[in-house]
Amino acid sequence: GLALAHLAQGDVERAEAMARRGLISAEERGSAYEQGLAQFVLGRVFRQQGRLDDAIDALQSAVSFFERSEALNELTEALLHLADAAFPLRRRRTLLMATLERVALVGKKHGVGHSLASAAREVPAVIEYAASRWSGGDFFREILHQRSVTEEGQRVRSQGSGPTTTFPVVEVRALGVFEARVAGRLVL
């Protein structure tokens, strides 16, 4: 948890140190779930650092630990991030496709599609790729559809009963020609 918070704040070194300490502690206790969490964070750290092969190894370990502990939400999220780590590597295309098929299989079988929504926002290129290749049938297309429905009129309400604020949709595309659009208007 804390390692992921550091990662979200951009403190990659601290996130890695916390994950390594967590891994040692989890190994001493023999907790497959906690080992999976630590490997998951390490995989994401390595992915962010561009160490793709290390990221793949750590995320494959996380997948294995989450399977043993039957943590389905974490399993699907780890699989999605594994696909993200394999995505840029042409030599890992087979791993990418097999992982995407597995995400769809687990997601359909156990109904974790909506829990993937937040993870899908972190790796939009992978989701779009999977949808374009019809990986997992219509599973990824449905995730894209759910995402586009929620982004259409993106309303954010505070936890209290305060007013509703509407924010424009910001869309950035980095596949091919780089573009940035705010509310559909090209700004970069």
Protein backbone atom coordinates (compact mmCIF):
# COMPACT_ATOMS: atom_id res chain seq x y z
CA GLY A 1 0.00 0.00 0.00
CA LEU A 2 2.59 2.55 1.05
CA ALA A 3 4.94 1.57 -1.77
CA LEU A 4 2.15 2.15 -4.30
CA ALA A 5 1.47 5.55 -2.74
CA HIS A 6 5.12 6.50 -3.21
CA LEU A 7 4.98 5.24 -6.79
CA ALA A 8 1.85 7.31 -7.47
CA GLN A 9 3.63 10.38 -6.13
CA GLY A 10 6.56 9.74 -8.48
CA ASP A 11 9.02 8.69 -5.77
CA VAL A 12 10.21 5.58 -7.61
CA GLU A 13 13.31 4.96 -5.48
CA ARG A 14 11.36 5.02 -2.24
CA ALA A 15 8.62 2.83 -3.75
CA GLU A 16 11.24 0.28 -4.78
CA ALA A 17 12.87 0.31 -1.34
CA MET A 18 9.51 -0.13 0.41
CA ALA A 19 8.51 -2.97 -1.96
CA ARG A 20 11.82 -4.78 -1.38
CA ARG A 21 11.38 -4.48 2.41
CA GLY A 22 7.80 -5.69 2.08
CA LEU A 23 8.94 -8.65 -0.02
CA ILE A 24 11.50 -9.71 2.59
CA SER A 25 8.91 -9.42 5.35
CA ALA A 26 6.30 -11.36 3.33
CA GLU A 27 8.81 -14.11 2.54
CA GLU A 28 9.65 -14.48 6.24
CA ARG A 29 5.94 -14.86 7.05
CA GLY A 30 5.24 -17.04 4.01
CA SER A 31 2.38 -14.82 2.83
CA ALA A 32 1.76 -15.46 -0.88
CA TYR A 33 -0.63 -12.51 -1.10
CA GLU A 34 1.84 -10.01 0.38
CA GLN A 35 4.66 -11.42 -1.77
CA GLY A 36 2.39 -10.87 -4.76
CA LEU A 37 1.77 -7.26 -3.74
CA ALA A 38 5.48 -6.59 -3.32
CA GLN A 39 6.33 -8.20 -6.67
CA PHE A 40 3.49 -6.22 -8.27
CA VAL A 41 4.91 -2.92 -7.00
CA LEU A 42 8.43 -3.91 -8.08
CA GLY A 43 7.12 -4.77 -11.54
CA ARG A 44 5.44 -1.39 -11.84
CA VAL A 45 8.59 0.36 -10.60
CA PHE A 46 10.72 -1.49 -13.14
CA ARG A 47 8.20 -0.69 -15.89
CA GLN A 48 8.36 2.98 -15.00
CA GLN A 49 12.17 2.84 -15.08
CA GLY A 50 12.10 1.20 -18.52
CA ARG A 51 13.53 -2.08 -17.20
CA LEU A 52 10.97 -4.10 -19.13
CA ASP A 53 12.47 -7.58 -18.74
CA ASP A 54 12.78 -7.07 -14.97
CA ALA A 55 9.21 -5.74 -14.89
CA ILE A 56 7.96 -8.80 -16.74
CA ASP A 57 9.77 -11.16 -14.35
CA ALA A 58 8.41 -9.37 -11.26
CA LEU A 59 4.87 -9.18 -12.64
CA GLN A 60 4.92 -12.87 -13.62
CA SER A 61 5.91 -13.63 -10.03
CA ALA A 62 3.08 -11.43 -8.76
CA VAL A 63 0.61 -13.27 -11.01
CA SER A 64 1.81 -16.59 -9.62
CA PHE A 65 1.44 -15.42 -6.00
CA PHE A 66 -2.02 -13.93 -6.63
CA GLU A 67 -3.13 -17.20 -8.24
CA ARG A 68 -2.00 -19.13 -5.15
CA SER A 69 -3.82 -16.75 -2.82
CA GLU A 70 -6.89 -16.59 -5.10
CA ALA A 71 -6.83 -12.78 -5.15
CA LEU A 72 -8.78 -12.27 -8.38
CA ASN A 73 -8.86 -8.47 -8.51
CA GLU A 74 -5.14 -8.26 -7.89
CA LEU A 75 -4.53 -11.08 -10.37
CA THR A 76 -6.34 -9.30 -13.18
CA GLU A 77 -4.60 -6.01 -12.41
CA ALA A 78 -1.19 -7.73 -12.34
CA LEU A 79 -1.98 -9.44 -15.65
CA LEU A 80 -2.95 -6.11 -17.19
CA HIS A 81 0.30 -4.50 -16.03
CA LEU A 82 2.20 -7.56 -17.29
CA ALA A 83 0.65 -6.95 -20.71
CA ASP A 84 1.72 -3.29 -20.42
CA ALA A 85 5.33 -4.32 -19.72
CA ALA A 86 5.33 -6.72 -22.69
CA PHE A 87 3.58 -4.24 -25.03
CA PRO A 88 6.65 -2.29 -26.22
CA LEU A 89 8.74 -5.43 -26.79
CA ARG A 90 8.18 -6.95 -30.20
CA ARG A 91 9.85 -10.18 -29.08
CA ARG A 92 7.28 -10.51 -26.30
CA ARG A 93 4.20 -10.26 -28.56
CA THR A 94 3.21 -13.87 -27.81
CA LEU A 95 3.34 -13.15 -24.06
CA LEU A 96 1.31 -9.98 -24.62
CA MET A 97 -1.46 -11.74 -26.52
CA ALA A 98 -1.60 -14.70 -24.11
CA THR A 99 -1.75 -12.32 -21.15
CA LEU A 100 -4.55 -10.26 -22.69
CA GLU A 101 -6.55 -13.42 -23.38
CA ARG A 102 -6.04 -14.41 -19.75
CA VAL A 103 -7.19 -11.01 -18.48
CA ALA A 104 -10.37 -11.38 -20.50
CA LEU A 105 -10.92 -14.96 -19.36
CA VAL A 106 -10.51 -14.14 -15.66
CA GLY A 107 -12.49 -10.93 -16.05
CA LYS A 108 -15.44 -12.64 -17.73
CA LYS A 109 -15.43 -15.71 -15.49
CA HIS A 110 -15.21 -13.87 -12.19
CA GLY A 111 -16.88 -10.59 -13.08
CA VAL A 112 -13.95 -8.33 -12.29
CA GLY A 113 -14.40 -6.19 -15.40
CA HIS A 114 -15.48 -3.10 -13.47
CA SER A 115 -12.58 -3.41 -11.03
CA LEU A 116 -10.28 -3.27 -14.06
CA ALA A 117 -11.63 0.16 -14.99
CA SER A 118 -9.10 2.06 -12.85
CA ALA A 119 -6.21 -0.13 -13.96
CA ALA A 120 -7.35 0.28 -17.57
CA ARG A 121 -7.02 4.06 -17.22
CA GLU A 122 -3.35 3.56 -16.35
CA VAL A 123 -2.62 1.52 -19.50
CA PRO A 124 -4.97 2.85 -22.20
CA ALA A 125 -2.71 1.86 -25.09
CA VAL A 126 -2.83 -1.79 -24.03
CA ILE A 127 -6.63 -1.72 -23.75
CA GLU A 128 -6.97 -0.07 -27.16
CA TYR A 129 -4.54 -2.56 -28.69
CA ALA A 130 -6.44 -5.50 -27.21
CA ALA A 131 -9.75 -4.11 -28.44
CA SER A 132 -8.37 -3.52 -31.94
CA ARG A 133 -7.09 -7.12 -32.10
CA TRP A 134 -10.37 -8.51 -30.72
CA SER A 135 -8.35 -10.11 -27.94
CA GLY A 136 -10.73 -11.74 -25.48
CA GLY A 137 -13.66 -11.32 -27.83
CA ASP A 138 -15.54 -8.14 -26.97
CA PHE A 139 -14.20 -7.88 -23.39
CA PHE A 140 -11.76 -5.02 -24.05
CA ARG A 141 -14.17 -3.28 -26.40
CA GLU A 142 -16.68 -3.25 -23.56
CA ILE A 143 -14.08 -1.72 -21.22
CA LEU A 144 -13.41 0.95 -23.85
CA HIS A 145 -17.13 1.57 -24.16
CA GLN A 146 -17.54 1.87 -20.38
CA ARG A 147 -14.61 4.27 -20.29
CA SER A 148 -16.01 6.44 -23.10
CA VAL A 149 -19.45 6.58 -21.47
CA THR A 150 -17.98 7.82 -18.20
CA GLU A 151 -15.70 10.30 -19.98
CA GLU A 152 -18.46 11.83 -22.11
CA GLY A 153 -19.80 14.14 -19.46
CA GLN A 154 -17.17 13.53 -16.81
CA ARG A 155 -18.93 14.80 -13.70
CA VAL A 156 -17.04 14.78 -10.46
CA ARG A 157 -18.94 15.11 -7.18
CA SER A 158 -17.25 15.55 -3.85
CA GLN A 159 -18.04 13.09 -1.07
CA GLY A 160 -20.24 15.69 0.59
CA SER A 161 -23.36 17.15 -0.91
CA GLY A 162 -21.52 20.03 -2.59
CA PRO A 163 -22.09 21.24 -6.13
CA THR A 164 -21.24 19.15 -9.19
CA THR A 165 -18.34 20.37 -11.31
CA THR A 166 -17.89 19.45 -14.94
CA PHE A 167 -14.38 19.10 -16.31
CA PRO A 168 -13.54 18.94 -20.00
CA VAL A 169 -12.28 15.65 -21.35
CA VAL A 170 -8.52 15.76 -21.92
CA GLU A 171 -7.32 13.26 -24.47
CA VAL A 172 -3.64 12.59 -25.21
CA ARG A 173 -2.55 10.23 -27.96
CA ALA A 174 1.05 9.18 -28.24
CA LEU A 175 0.73 6.28 -30.68
CA GLY A 176 1.95 7.60 -34.01
CA VAL A 177 1.57 11.39 -34.14
CA PHE A 178 1.47 13.03 -30.71
CA GLU A 179 -1.77 14.96 -30.08
CA ALA A 180 -3.41 16.57 -27.09
CA ARG A 181 -7.08 17.60 -27.16
CA VAL A 182 -9.19 19.37 -24.56
CA ALA A 183 -12.94 18.92 -25.00
CA GLY A 184 -12.28 17.67 -28.54
CA ARG A 185 -10.22 20.74 -29.54
CA LEU A 186 -6.62 20.11 -30.66
CA VAL A 187 -4.29 22.05 -28.34
CA LEU A 188 -0.93 20.41 -29.02
